[in-house]
Amino acid sequence: AVLVGLVSKPALNGRVVEIGRRVTGGKKAGRYGVEVDGEQYAMKSSNLEADRAGEQAVLEGLVGRPDLNGVAVTVGKLHLAGPHEGRYAIRHAPDGGEVEALAIRSANLRP
């Protein structure tokens, strides 16, 4: 899974984690255990997003590039750092032309 929407620990957003056991007691009940750099955290399900690399999707809701809405793509790796952190790499070749690299938010990828 990928960590998203964390306010108290924003540096963890975009990190890929393995989901552990669900916490059953105390004030963290209902959250899921994850480990990041050797530290344990209890995350809400709303902060855990499936890693979508390799998935087929259709681009939607793009404001800056509305010409790409409706285009079918294969989702690439998740950017874990840099200016595109938290976005997925997409390679698109319009009409078989030159390939362009895009960085797309998960919210703009419809299964």
Protein backbone atom coordinates (compact mmCIF):
# COMPACT_ATOMS: atom_id res chain seq x y z
CA ALA A 1 0.00 0.00 0.00
CA VAL A 2 0.97 3.65 -0.33
CA LEU A 3 0.60 6.18 2.49
CA VAL A 4 -1.52 9.20 1.51
CA GLY A 5 -3.17 12.19 3.17
CA LEU A 6 -1.10 12.20 6.35
CA VAL A 7 -1.22 15.59 8.06
CA SER A 8 0.76 14.93 11.25
CA LYS A 9 3.58 13.10 9.39
CA PRO A 10 3.49 14.52 5.83
CA ALA A 11 7.01 13.25 5.10
CA LEU A 12 5.56 9.71 5.09
CA ASN A 13 3.09 10.44 2.27
CA GLY A 14 3.98 8.47 -0.85
CA ARG A 15 5.92 5.80 1.05
CA VAL A 16 5.17 2.23 0.05
CA VAL A 17 4.39 0.00 3.05
CA GLU A 18 3.18 -3.47 3.83
CA ILE A 19 -0.04 -3.52 5.84
CA GLY A 20 0.20 -5.45 9.08
CA ARG A 21 -2.43 -6.50 11.58
CA ARG A 22 -5.47 -4.45 12.44
CA VAL A 23 -5.30 -2.81 15.89
CA THR A 24 -8.15 -4.14 18.03
CA GLY A 25 -7.90 -2.23 21.32
CA GLY A 26 -7.28 1.22 22.72
CA LYS A 27 -7.59 4.59 21.03
CA LYS A 28 -5.89 3.25 17.86
CA ALA A 29 -8.50 0.48 17.42
CA GLY A 30 -9.52 -0.02 13.80
CA ARG A 31 -6.23 1.23 12.40
CA TYR A 32 -3.66 -0.91 10.62
CA GLY A 33 -0.08 -1.46 11.68
CA VAL A 34 2.64 -0.45 9.21
CA GLU A 35 6.39 -0.13 9.47
CA VAL A 36 8.40 2.71 7.95
CA ASP A 37 12.19 2.82 8.35
CA GLY A 38 12.00 0.50 11.36
CA GLU A 39 9.32 2.53 13.16
CA GLN A 40 5.80 1.22 13.80
CA TYR A 41 2.73 3.33 13.05
CA ALA A 42 -1.04 2.75 13.27
CA MET A 43 -2.73 4.11 10.13
CA LYS A 44 -6.37 4.77 9.29
CA SER A 45 -7.62 2.89 6.24
CA SER A 46 -8.22 6.26 4.56
CA ASN A 47 -4.44 6.83 4.66
CA LEU A 48 -3.66 3.56 2.87
CA GLU A 49 -4.00 3.36 -0.89
CA ALA A 50 -3.33 0.33 -3.06
CA ASP A 51 -0.12 0.50 -5.11
CA ARG A 52 -1.46 0.73 -8.65
CA ALA A 53 1.74 0.08 -10.65
CA GLY A 54 1.05 -2.19 -13.63
CA GLU A 55 -2.70 -1.55 -13.52
CA GLN A 56 -4.65 -0.55 -16.65
CA ALA A 57 -6.52 2.74 -16.14
CA VAL A 58 -8.22 5.60 -17.95
CA LEU A 59 -7.19 9.20 -17.33
CA GLU A 60 -9.95 11.46 -16.01
CA GLY A 61 -10.42 14.83 -14.36
CA LEU A 62 -7.22 16.33 -15.76
CA VAL A 63 -7.48 20.12 -15.77
CA GLY A 64 -4.04 21.01 -17.11
CA ARG A 65 -4.24 18.42 -19.92
CA PRO A 66 -7.96 17.90 -20.71
CA ASP A 67 -6.97 16.46 -24.09
CA LEU A 68 -5.79 13.33 -22.23
CA ASN A 69 -9.07 12.66 -20.40
CA GLY A 70 -10.44 9.32 -21.59
CA VAL A 71 -7.03 7.97 -22.69
CA ALA A 72 -6.25 4.38 -21.62
CA VAL A 73 -2.84 3.96 -19.97
CA THR A 74 -0.72 1.48 -18.05
CA VAL A 75 0.18 2.84 -14.62
CA GLY A 76 3.90 2.97 -13.92
CA LYS A 77 5.87 3.25 -10.70
CA LEU A 78 4.96 5.64 -7.92
CA HIS A 79 7.29 8.62 -7.51
CA LEU A 80 8.56 8.44 -3.92
CA ALA A 81 10.47 11.73 -3.88
CA GLY A 82 11.03 14.92 -5.79
CA PRO A 83 8.59 17.28 -7.47
CA HIS A 84 6.28 14.43 -8.54
CA GLU A 85 6.18 12.67 -5.16
CA GLY A 86 2.96 10.73 -4.66
CA ARG A 87 2.13 10.64 -8.37
CA TYR A 88 2.34 7.70 -10.76
CA ALA A 89 4.61 7.67 -13.79
CA ILE A 90 2.67 7.31 -17.03
CA ARG A 91 4.18 7.03 -20.51
CA HIS A 92 1.86 8.10 -23.29
CA ALA A 93 2.41 7.97 -27.06
CA PRO A 94 -0.36 9.95 -28.78
CA ASP A 95 -1.32 8.28 -32.07
CA GLY A 96 1.90 6.25 -32.03
CA GLY A 97 3.98 9.43 -31.98
CA GLU A 98 6.70 10.51 -29.60
CA VAL A 99 6.40 9.16 -26.06
CA GLU A 100 5.79 11.72 -23.33
CA ALA A 101 6.29 11.10 -19.62
CA LEU A 102 3.51 12.21 -17.28
CA ALA A 103 3.11 12.26 -13.49
CA ILE A 104 -0.52 11.58 -12.55
CA ARG A 105 -2.34 11.55 -9.19
CA SER A 106 -4.17 8.36 -8.28
CA ALA A 107 -7.44 10.35 -8.18
CA ASN A 108 -7.06 10.92 -11.94
CA LEU A 109 -6.77 7.21 -12.74
CA ARG A 110 -10.07 5.35 -13.25
CA PRO A 111 -9.76 1.53 -13.24
